[in-house]
Amino acid sequence: MNPIVEFCISNLANGSHKTLEILEKDPNLDVLEYGCLSYCTACADGLYALVNGDIVKADTPEELTERIYQYIEDNPLF
């Protein structure tokens, strides 16, 4: 089972699409897009993604990518 990274389409429009493009190329991740993830406060505050159900936030796409990979490393599924 691969880690699951979920993006809100509104947050993608705010800049997290660059992170999505990078993560989609990683065959060890399952990357999903949704119309809304119902985390509107997080979405308004900056860039974010859900990683295995937990929010990972950042100010830039590069930082978001780093934090997602760090979260996955720090919180293995098995």
PDB file of N, CA and C in Angstrom:
ATOM      1  N   MET A   1       0.840  -1.178   0.000  1.00  0.00           N
ATOM      2  CA  MET A   1       0.000   0.000   0.000  1.00  0.00           C
ATOM      3  C   MET A   1       0.888   1.245   0.000  1.00  0.00           C
ATOM      4  N   ASN A   2       0.602   2.164  -0.891  1.00  0.00           N
ATOM      5  CA  ASN A   2       1.341   3.416  -1.006  1.00  0.00           C
ATOM      6  C   ASN A   2       0.732   4.484  -0.108  1.00  0.00           C
ATOM      7  N   PRO A   3       1.534   5.450   0.342  1.00  0.00           N
ATOM      8  CA  PRO A   3       0.972   6.606   1.036  1.00  0.00           C
ATOM      9  C   PRO A   3       0.016   7.340   0.102  1.00  0.00           C
ATOM     10  N   ILE A   4      -1.037   7.910   0.677  1.00  0.00           N
ATOM     11  CA  ILE A   4      -2.043   8.633  -0.092  1.00  0.00           C
ATOM     12  C   ILE A   4      -1.891  10.123   0.170  1.00  0.00           C
ATOM     13  N   VAL A   5      -1.750  10.887  -0.901  1.00  0.00           N
ATOM     14  CA  VAL A   5      -1.645  12.343  -0.803  1.00  0.00           C
ATOM     15  C   VAL A   5      -2.847  12.928  -1.539  1.00  0.00           C
ATOM     16  N   GLU A   6      -3.646  13.719  -0.810  1.00  0.00           N
ATOM     17  CA  GLU A   6      -4.877  14.268  -1.367  1.00  0.00           C
ATOM     18  C   GLU A   6      -4.787  15.789  -1.453  1.00  0.00           C
ATOM     19  N   PHE A   7      -5.266  16.323  -2.567  1.00  0.00           N
ATOM     20  CA  PHE A   7      -5.253  17.769  -2.802  1.00  0.00           C
ATOM     21  C   PHE A   7      -6.664  18.261  -3.058  1.00  0.00           C
ATOM     22  N   CYS A   8      -6.933  19.475  -2.572  1.00  0.00           N
ATOM     23  CA  CYS A   8      -8.173  20.187  -2.850  1.00  0.00           C
ATOM     24  C   CYS A   8      -7.964  21.006  -4.128  1.00  0.00           C
ATOM     25  N   ILE A   9      -8.922  20.986  -5.019  1.00  0.00           N
ATOM     26  CA  ILE A   9      -8.772  21.697  -6.288  1.00  0.00           C
ATOM     27  C   ILE A   9      -8.601  23.204  -6.077  1.00  0.00           C
ATOM     28  N   SER A  10      -9.242  23.753  -5.048  1.00  0.00           N
ATOM     29  CA  SER A  10      -9.081  25.182  -4.758  1.00  0.00           C
ATOM     30  C   SER A  10      -7.658  25.491  -4.330  1.00  0.00           C
ATOM     31  N   ASN A  11      -7.055  24.608  -3.546  1.00  0.00           N
ATOM     32  CA  ASN A  11      -5.687  24.825  -3.102  1.00  0.00           C
ATOM     33  C   ASN A  11      -4.713  24.624  -4.253  1.00  0.00           C
ATOM     34  N   LEU A  12      -5.049  23.746  -5.171  1.00  0.00           N
ATOM     35  CA  LEU A  12      -4.212  23.580  -6.363  1.00  0.00           C
ATOM     36  C   LEU A  12      -4.143  24.903  -7.126  1.00  0.00           C
ATOM     37  N   ALA A  13      -5.276  25.584  -7.219  1.00  0.00           N
ATOM     38  CA  ALA A  13      -5.323  26.869  -7.912  1.00  0.00           C
ATOM     39  C   ALA A  13      -4.515  27.937  -7.170  1.00  0.00           C
ATOM     40  N   ASN A  14      -4.332  27.754  -5.862  1.00  0.00           N
ATOM     41  CA  ASN A  14      -3.557  28.707  -5.058  1.00  0.00           C
ATOM     42  C   ASN A  14      -2.056  28.464  -5.152  1.00  0.00           C
ATOM     43  N   GLY A  15      -1.629  27.368  -5.792  1.00  0.00           N
ATOM     44  CA  GLY A  15      -0.200  27.149  -5.986  1.00  0.00           C
ATOM     45  C   GLY A  15       0.316  25.759  -5.672  1.00  0.00           C
ATOM     46  N   SER A  16      -0.495  24.924  -5.023  1.00  0.00           N
ATOM     47  CA  SER A  16       0.003  23.583  -4.682  1.00  0.00           C
ATOM     48  C   SER A  16       0.053  22.649  -5.894  1.00  0.00           C
ATOM     49  N   HIS A  17      -0.411  23.132  -7.058  1.00  0.00           N
ATOM     50  CA  HIS A  17      -0.372  22.291  -8.263  1.00  0.00           C
ATOM     51  C   HIS A  17       1.062  21.886  -8.630  1.00  0.00           C
ATOM     52  N   LYS A  18       2.032  22.735  -8.286  1.00  0.00           N
ATOM     53  CA  LYS A  18       3.431  22.391  -8.580  1.00  0.00           C
ATOM     54  C   LYS A  18       3.858  21.163  -7.776  1.00  0.00           C
ATOM     55  N   THR A  19       3.401  21.091  -6.542  1.00  0.00           N
ATOM     56  CA  THR A  19       3.692  19.930  -5.702  1.00  0.00           C
ATOM     57  C   THR A  19       2.990  18.703  -6.269  1.00  0.00           C
ATOM     58  N   LEU A  20       1.742  18.854  -6.662  1.00  0.00           N
ATOM     59  CA  LEU A  20       0.986  17.746  -7.252  1.00  0.00           C
ATOM     60  C   LEU A  20       1.713  17.186  -8.467  1.00  0.00           C
ATOM     61  N   GLU A  21       2.208  18.055  -9.340  1.00  0.00           N
ATOM     62  CA  GLU A  21       2.900  17.610 -10.549  1.00  0.00           C
ATOM     63  C   GLU A  21       4.141  16.787 -10.214  1.00  0.00           C
ATOM     64  N   ILE A  22       4.868  17.197  -9.186  1.00  0.00           N
ATOM     65  CA  ILE A  22       6.066  16.451  -8.771  1.00  0.00           C
ATOM     66  C   ILE A  22       5.680  15.099  -8.177  1.00  0.00           C
ATOM     67  N   LEU A  23       4.686  15.113  -7.281  1.00  0.00           N
ATOM     68  CA  LEU A  23       4.305  13.882  -6.586  1.00  0.00           C
ATOM     69  C   LEU A  23       3.656  12.860  -7.520  1.00  0.00           C
ATOM     70  N   GLU A  24       2.951  13.327  -8.539  1.00  0.00           N
ATOM     71  CA  GLU A  24       2.314  12.406  -9.491  1.00  0.00           C
ATOM     72  C   GLU A  24       3.345  11.565 -10.235  1.00  0.00           C
ATOM     73  N   LYS A  25       4.559  12.037 -10.334  1.00  0.00           N
ATOM     74  CA  LYS A  25       5.619  11.292 -11.027  1.00  0.00           C
ATOM     75  C   LYS A  25       6.234  10.209 -10.150  1.00  0.00           C
ATOM     76  N   ASP A  26       5.905  10.210  -8.856  1.00  0.00           N
ATOM     77  CA  ASP A  26       6.467   9.242  -7.909  1.00  0.00           C
ATOM     78  C   ASP A  26       5.580   7.994  -7.886  1.00  0.00           C
ATOM     79  N   PRO A  27       6.087   6.862  -8.379  1.00  0.00           N
ATOM     80  CA  PRO A  27       5.265   5.642  -8.436  1.00  0.00           C
ATOM     81  C   PRO A  27       4.980   5.049  -7.054  1.00  0.00           C
ATOM     82  N   ASN A  28       5.639   5.556  -6.019  1.00  0.00           N
ATOM     83  CA  ASN A  28       5.434   5.049  -4.663  1.00  0.00           C
ATOM     84  C   ASN A  28       4.379   5.831  -3.893  1.00  0.00           C
ATOM     85  N   LEU A  29       3.679   6.739  -4.573  1.00  0.00           N
ATOM     86  CA  LEU A  29       2.619   7.531  -3.947  1.00  0.00           C
ATOM     87  C   LEU A  29       1.325   7.393  -4.734  1.00  0.00           C
ATOM     88  N   ASP A  30       0.207   7.442  -4.025  1.00  0.00           N
ATOM     89  CA  ASP A  30      -1.103   7.546  -4.659  1.00  0.00           C
ATOM     90  C   ASP A  30      -1.562   8.988  -4.459  1.00  0.00           C
ATOM     91  N   VAL A  31      -1.653   9.749  -5.548  1.00  0.00           N
ATOM     92  CA  VAL A  31      -1.989  11.168  -5.486  1.00  0.00           C
ATOM     93  C   VAL A  31      -3.400  11.348  -6.042  1.00  0.00           C
ATOM     94  N   LEU A  32      -4.253  12.022  -5.249  1.00  0.00           N
ATOM     95  CA  LEU A  32      -5.657  12.207  -5.615  1.00  0.00           C
ATOM     96  C   LEU A  32      -6.030  13.680  -5.553  1.00  0.00           C
ATOM     97  N   GLU A  33      -6.967  14.082  -6.392  1.00  0.00           N
ATOM     98  CA  GLU A  33      -7.509  15.440  -6.393  1.00  0.00           C
ATOM     99  C   GLU A  33      -8.996  15.362  -6.074  1.00  0.00           C
ATOM    100  N   TYR A  34      -9.470  16.307  -5.268  1.00  0.00           N
ATOM    101  CA  TYR A  34     -10.883  16.381  -4.928  1.00  0.00           C
ATOM    102  C   TYR A  34     -11.373  17.803  -5.148  1.00  0.00           C
ATOM    103  N   GLY A  35     -12.665  17.954  -5.371  1.00  0.00           N
ATOM    104  CA  GLY A  35     -13.253  19.274  -5.518  1.00  0.00           C
ATOM    105  C   GLY A  35     -13.117  20.079  -4.237  1.00  0.00           C
ATOM    106  N   CYS A  36     -13.284  19.409  -3.100  1.00  0.00           N
ATOM    107  CA  CYS A  36     -13.138  20.072  -1.803  1.00  0.00           C
ATOM    108  C   CYS A  36     -12.842  19.004  -0.758  1.00  0.00           C
ATOM    109  N   LEU A  37     -11.899  19.312   0.124  1.00  0.00           N
ATOM    110  CA  LEU A  37     -11.567  18.393   1.213  1.00  0.00           C
ATOM    111  C   LEU A  37     -12.150  18.867   2.542  1.00  0.00           C
ATOM    112  N   SER A  38     -12.880  19.980   2.520  1.00  0.00           N
ATOM    113  CA  SER A  38     -13.540  20.554   3.704  1.00  0.00           C
ATOM    114  C   SER A  38     -12.560  21.016   4.772  1.00  0.00           C
ATOM    115  N   TYR A  39     -11.406  21.500   4.361  1.00  0.00           N
ATOM    116  CA  TYR A  39     -10.434  22.121   5.254  1.00  0.00           C
ATOM    117  C   TYR A  39     -10.241  23.565   4.797  1.00  0.00           C
ATOM    118  N   CYS A  40     -11.339  24.314   4.754  1.00  0.00           N
ATOM    119  CA  CYS A  40     -11.331  25.660   4.176  1.00  0.00           C
ATOM    120  C   CYS A  40     -10.395  26.614   4.905  1.00  0.00           C
ATOM    121  N   THR A  41     -10.274  26.477   6.218  1.00  0.00           N
ATOM    122  CA  THR A  41      -9.367  27.344   6.970  1.00  0.00           C
ATOM    123  C   THR A  41      -7.925  27.089   6.547  1.00  0.00           C
ATOM    124  N   ALA A  42      -7.537  25.829   6.443  1.00  0.00           N
ATOM    125  CA  ALA A  42      -6.182  25.483   5.997  1.00  0.00           C
ATOM    126  C   ALA A  42      -5.955  25.970   4.571  1.00  0.00           C
ATOM    127  N   CYS A  43      -6.972  25.850   3.754  1.00  0.00           N
ATOM    128  CA  CYS A  43      -6.877  26.266   2.352  1.00  0.00           C
ATOM    129  C   CYS A  43      -6.672  27.780   2.259  1.00  0.00           C
ATOM    130  N   ALA A  44      -7.369  28.531   3.105  1.00  0.00           N
ATOM    131  CA  ALA A  44      -7.249  29.985   3.095  1.00  0.00           C
ATOM    132  C   ALA A  44      -5.912  30.455   3.670  1.00  0.00           C
ATOM    133  N   ASP A  45      -5.332  29.656   4.577  1.00  0.00           N
ATOM    134  CA  ASP A  45      -4.083  30.034   5.241  1.00  0.00           C
ATOM    135  C   ASP A  45      -2.849  29.837   4.370  1.00  0.00           C
ATOM    136  N   GLY A  46      -2.894  28.923   3.421  1.00  0.00           N
ATOM    137  CA  GLY A  46      -1.725  28.659   2.585  1.00  0.00           C
ATOM    138  C   GLY A  46      -1.871  27.341   1.868  1.00  0.00           C
ATOM    139  N   LEU A  47      -0.759  26.771   1.467  1.00  0.00           N
ATOM    140  CA  LEU A  47      -0.764  25.517   0.729  1.00  0.00           C
ATOM    141  C   LEU A  47      -0.836  24.345   1.693  1.00  0.00           C
ATOM    142  N   TYR A  48      -1.569  23.317   1.299  1.00  0.00           N
ATOM    143  CA  TYR A  48      -1.660  22.130   2.145  1.00  0.00           C
ATOM    144  C   TYR A  48      -2.044  20.921   1.308  1.00  0.00           C
ATOM    145  N   ALA A  49      -1.848  19.774   1.908  1.00  0.00           N
ATOM    146  CA  ALA A  49      -2.307  18.506   1.343  1.00  0.00           C
ATOM    147  C   ALA A  49      -2.599  17.590   2.517  1.00  0.00           C
ATOM    148  N   LEU A  50      -3.447  16.606   2.283  1.00  0.00           N
ATOM    149  CA  LEU A  50      -3.666  15.562   3.277  1.00  0.00           C
ATOM    150  C   LEU A  50      -2.746  14.402   2.931  1.00  0.00           C
ATOM    151  N   VAL A  51      -1.993  13.945   3.905  1.00  0.00           N
ATOM    152  CA  VAL A  51      -1.095  12.813   3.713  1.00  0.00           C
ATOM    153  C   VAL A  51      -1.546  11.724   4.669  1.00  0.00           C
ATOM    154  N   ASN A  52      -2.060  10.654   4.112  1.00  0.00           N
ATOM    155  CA  ASN A  52      -2.627   9.569   4.916  1.00  0.00           C
ATOM    156  C   ASN A  52      -3.624  10.103   5.940  1.00  0.00           C
ATOM    157  N   GLY A  53      -4.386  11.120   5.532  1.00  0.00           N
ATOM    158  CA  GLY A  53      -5.435  11.677   6.371  1.00  0.00           C
ATOM    159  C   GLY A  53      -5.017  12.814   7.282  1.00  0.00           C
ATOM    160  N   ASP A  54      -3.742  13.166   7.342  1.00  0.00           N
ATOM    161  CA  ASP A  54      -3.254  14.251   8.192  1.00  0.00           C
ATOM    162  C   ASP A  54      -2.854  15.457   7.349  1.00  0.00           C
ATOM    163  N   ILE A  55      -3.124  16.652   7.868  1.00  0.00           N
ATOM    164  CA  ILE A  55      -2.799  17.885   7.145  1.00  0.00           C
ATOM    165  C   ILE A  55      -1.296  18.159   7.219  1.00  0.00           C
ATOM    166  N   VAL A  56      -0.737  18.481   6.050  1.00  0.00           N
ATOM    167  CA  VAL A  56       0.644  18.955   5.949  1.00  0.00           C
ATOM    168  C   VAL A  56       0.556  20.317   5.275  1.00  0.00           C
ATOM    169  N   LYS A  57       1.079  21.367   5.956  1.00  0.00           N
ATOM    170  CA  LYS A  57       0.979  22.743   5.459  1.00  0.00           C
ATOM    171  C   LYS A  57       2.353  23.299   5.113  1.00  0.00           C
ATOM    172  N   ALA A  58       2.341  24.318   4.236  1.00  0.00           N
ATOM    173  CA  ALA A  58       3.579  25.010   3.874  1.00  0.00           C
ATOM    174  C   ALA A  58       3.230  26.344   3.224  1.00  0.00           C
ATOM    175  N   ASP A  59       4.260  27.175   3.072  1.00  0.00           N
ATOM    176  CA  ASP A  59       4.071  28.484   2.449  1.00  0.00           C
ATOM    177  C   ASP A  59       4.373  28.479   0.952  1.00  0.00           C
ATOM    178  N   THR A  60       5.212  27.534   0.501  1.00  0.00           N
ATOM    179  CA  THR A  60       5.587  27.470  -0.913  1.00  0.00           C
ATOM    180  C   THR A  60       5.404  26.032  -1.419  1.00  0.00           C
ATOM    181  N   PRO A  61       5.268  25.861  -2.725  1.00  0.00           N
ATOM    182  CA  PRO A  61       5.154  24.509  -3.273  1.00  0.00           C
ATOM    183  C   PRO A  61       6.380  23.648  -2.963  1.00  0.00           C
ATOM    184  N   GLU A  62       7.556  24.249  -3.009  1.00  0.00           N
ATOM    185  CA  GLU A  62       8.783  23.499  -2.735  1.00  0.00           C
ATOM    186  C   GLU A  62       8.806  23.006  -1.287  1.00  0.00           C
ATOM    187  N   GLU A  63       8.413  23.880  -0.390  1.00  0.00           N
ATOM    188  CA  GLU A  63       8.351  23.523   1.029  1.00  0.00           C
ATOM    189  C   GLU A  63       7.289  22.451   1.275  1.00  0.00           C
ATOM    190  N   LEU A  64       6.162  22.549   0.577  1.00  0.00           N
ATOM    191  CA  LEU A  64       5.103  21.552   0.724  1.00  0.00           C
ATOM    192  C   LEU A  64       5.597  20.189   0.269  1.00  0.00           C
ATOM    193  N   THR A  65       6.287  20.150  -0.850  1.00  0.00           N
ATOM    194  CA  THR A  65       6.840  18.882  -1.345  1.00  0.00           C
ATOM    195  C   THR A  65       7.788  18.285  -0.311  1.00  0.00           C
ATOM    196  N   GLU A  66       8.694  19.098   0.214  1.00  0.00           N
ATOM    197  CA  GLU A  66       9.644  18.633   1.234  1.00  0.00           C
ATOM    198  C   GLU A  66       8.931  18.106   2.467  1.00  0.00           C
ATOM    199  N   ARG A  67       7.945  18.855   2.939  1.00  0.00           N
ATOM    200  CA  ARG A  67       7.234  18.459   4.157  1.00  0.00           C
ATOM    201  C   ARG A  67       6.426  17.181   3.963  1.00  0.00           C
ATOM    202  N   ILE A  68       5.873  16.995   2.774  1.00  0.00           N
ATOM    203  CA  ILE A  68       5.125  15.765   2.500  1.00  0.00           C
ATOM    204  C   ILE A  68       6.064  14.570   2.557  1.00  0.00           C
ATOM    205  N   TYR A  69       7.196  14.672   1.891  1.00  0.00           N
ATOM    206  CA  TYR A  69       8.150  13.555   1.921  1.00  0.00           C
ATOM    207  C   TYR A  69       8.693  13.325   3.338  1.00  0.00           C
ATOM    208  N   GLN A  70       8.909  14.401   4.081  1.00  0.00           N
ATOM    209  CA  GLN A  70       9.385  14.265   5.460  1.00  0.00           C
ATOM    210  C   GLN A  70       8.322  13.594   6.325  1.00  0.00           C
ATOM    211  N   TYR A  71       7.060  13.983   6.131  1.00  0.00           N
ATOM    212  CA  TYR A  71       5.963  13.372   6.891  1.00  0.00           C
ATOM    213  C   TYR A  71       5.896  11.871   6.615  1.00  0.00           C
ATOM    214  N   ILE A  72       6.005  11.514   5.347  1.00  0.00           N
ATOM    215  CA  ILE A  72       5.951  10.089   4.974  1.00  0.00           C
ATOM    216  C   ILE A  72       7.110   9.326   5.598  1.00  0.00           C
ATOM    217  N   GLU A  73       8.284   9.931   5.604  1.00  0.00           N
ATOM    218  CA  GLU A  73       9.447   9.277   6.212  1.00  0.00           C
ATOM    219  C   GLU A  73       9.281   9.115   7.725  1.00  0.00           C
ATOM    220  N   ASP A  74       8.734  10.145   8.360  1.00  0.00           N
ATOM    221  CA  ASP A  74       8.557  10.128   9.819  1.00  0.00           C
ATOM    222  C   ASP A  74       7.382   9.277  10.276  1.00  0.00           C
ATOM    223  N   ASN A  75       6.441   8.994   9.381  1.00  0.00           N
ATOM    224  CA  ASN A  75       5.220   8.265   9.733  1.00  0.00           C
ATOM    225  C   ASN A  75       4.964   7.131   8.747  1.00  0.00           C
ATOM    226  N   PRO A  76       5.792   6.089   8.763  1.00  0.00           N
ATOM    227  CA  PRO A  76       5.604   4.984   7.817  1.00  0.00           C
ATOM    228  C   PRO A  76       4.273   4.276   8.047  1.00  0.00           C
ATOM    229  N   LEU A  77       3.721   3.752   6.963  1.00  0.00           N
ATOM    230  CA  LEU A  77       2.431   3.045   7.065  1.00  0.00           C
ATOM    231  C   LEU A  77       2.559   1.736   7.820  1.00  0.00           C
ATOM    232  N   PHE A  78       3.725   1.111   7.745  1.00  0.00           N
ATOM    233  CA  PHE A  78       3.884  -0.200   8.384  1.00  0.00           C
ATOM    234  C   PHE A  78       5.070  -0.204   9.312  1.00  0.00           C
TER     235      PHE A  78
END
